[in-house]
Amino acid sequence: MMYGWLWRALPGPAWLRVVELAVLAVAVVAACFLWVFPAIAPHLPFNEITVE
């Protein structure tokens, strides 16, 4: 449903929509790696490693 909405909302012919969706996907992944993941990393339990 969301992908159909994105496809209909983007302007241009089909080949341009594919390019736009690829750029949007790269931007979302980059934003996650640059800002989201570093911001939530201290709150995840993976940093608390104890070996006995």
C-alpha atoms as a PDB file:
ATOM      1  CA  MET A   1       0.000   0.000   0.000  1.00  0.00           C
ATOM      2  CA  MET A   2       2.752   2.473   0.923  1.00  0.00           C
ATOM      3  CA  TYR A   3       4.857   1.546  -2.110  1.00  0.00           C
ATOM      4  CA  GLY A   4       1.898   2.028  -4.412  1.00  0.00           C
ATOM      5  CA  TRP A   5       1.328   5.465  -2.938  1.00  0.00           C
ATOM      6  CA  LEU A   6       4.993   6.363  -3.452  1.00  0.00           C
ATOM      7  CA  TRP A   7       4.850   5.143  -7.044  1.00  0.00           C
ATOM      8  CA  ARG A   8       1.752   7.236  -7.776  1.00  0.00           C
ATOM      9  CA  ALA A   9       3.048  10.326  -5.925  1.00  0.00           C
ATOM     10  CA  LEU A  10       6.359  10.581  -7.768  1.00  0.00           C
ATOM     11  CA  PRO A  11       6.324  12.600 -10.989  1.00  0.00           C
ATOM     12  CA  GLY A  12       7.714  11.543 -14.341  1.00  0.00           C
ATOM     13  CA  PRO A  13       7.873   8.436 -16.478  1.00  0.00           C
ATOM     14  CA  ALA A  14       8.527   4.969 -15.073  1.00  0.00           C
ATOM     15  CA  TRP A  15      12.320   5.058 -15.542  1.00  0.00           C
ATOM     16  CA  LEU A  16      12.540   8.362 -13.659  1.00  0.00           C
ATOM     17  CA  ARG A  17      10.382   7.009 -10.834  1.00  0.00           C
ATOM     18  CA  VAL A  18      12.764   4.058 -10.469  1.00  0.00           C
ATOM     19  CA  VAL A  19      15.702   6.461 -10.202  1.00  0.00           C
ATOM     20  CA  GLU A  20      13.852   8.628  -7.686  1.00  0.00           C
ATOM     21  CA  LEU A  21      12.931   5.609  -5.556  1.00  0.00           C
ATOM     22  CA  ALA A  22      16.549   4.418  -5.609  1.00  0.00           C
ATOM     23  CA  VAL A  23      17.767   7.842  -4.474  1.00  0.00           C
ATOM     24  CA  LEU A  24      15.144   7.923  -1.727  1.00  0.00           C
ATOM     25  CA  ALA A  25      16.141   4.442  -0.542  1.00  0.00           C
ATOM     26  CA  VAL A  26      19.833   5.408  -0.396  1.00  0.00           C
ATOM     27  CA  ALA A  27      18.942   8.587   1.505  1.00  0.00           C
ATOM     28  CA  VAL A  28      16.895   6.656   4.075  1.00  0.00           C
ATOM     29  CA  VAL A  29      19.653   4.085   4.617  1.00  0.00           C
ATOM     30  CA  ALA A  30      22.275   6.830   4.936  1.00  0.00           C
ATOM     31  CA  ALA A  31      20.139   8.726   7.454  1.00  0.00           C
ATOM     32  CA  CYS A  32      19.705   5.566   9.514  1.00  0.00           C
ATOM     33  CA  PHE A  33      23.447   4.860   9.603  1.00  0.00           C
ATOM     34  CA  LEU A  34      24.474   8.457  10.226  1.00  0.00           C
ATOM     35  CA  TRP A  35      21.899   9.602  12.788  1.00  0.00           C
ATOM     36  CA  VAL A  36      19.354   7.004  13.913  1.00  0.00           C
ATOM     37  CA  PHE A  37      21.571   4.025  14.733  1.00  0.00           C
ATOM     38  CA  PRO A  38      24.236   6.046  16.616  1.00  0.00           C
ATOM     39  CA  ALA A  39      21.510   7.789  18.609  1.00  0.00           C
ATOM     40  CA  ILE A  40      19.872   4.563  19.800  1.00  0.00           C
ATOM     41  CA  ALA A  41      23.046   2.472  20.217  1.00  0.00           C
ATOM     42  CA  PRO A  42      23.699   3.519  23.858  1.00  0.00           C
ATOM     43  CA  HIS A  43      20.177   2.445  24.807  1.00  0.00           C
ATOM     44  CA  LEU A  44      20.443  -1.094  23.411  1.00  0.00           C
ATOM     45  CA  PRO A  45      21.373  -3.969  25.705  1.00  0.00           C
ATOM     46  CA  PHE A  46      24.146  -5.216  23.384  1.00  0.00           C
ATOM     47  CA  ASN A  47      26.702  -2.961  25.079  1.00  0.00           C
ATOM     48  CA  GLU A  48      26.291  -4.762  28.409  1.00  0.00           C
ATOM     49  CA  ILE A  49      28.377  -7.863  27.797  1.00  0.00           C
ATOM     50  CA  THR A  50      29.425  -9.907  30.825  1.00  0.00           C
ATOM     51  CA  VAL A  51      31.394 -13.126  30.631  1.00  0.00           C
ATOM     52  CA  GLU A  52      31.873 -15.129  33.785  1.00  0.00           C
END
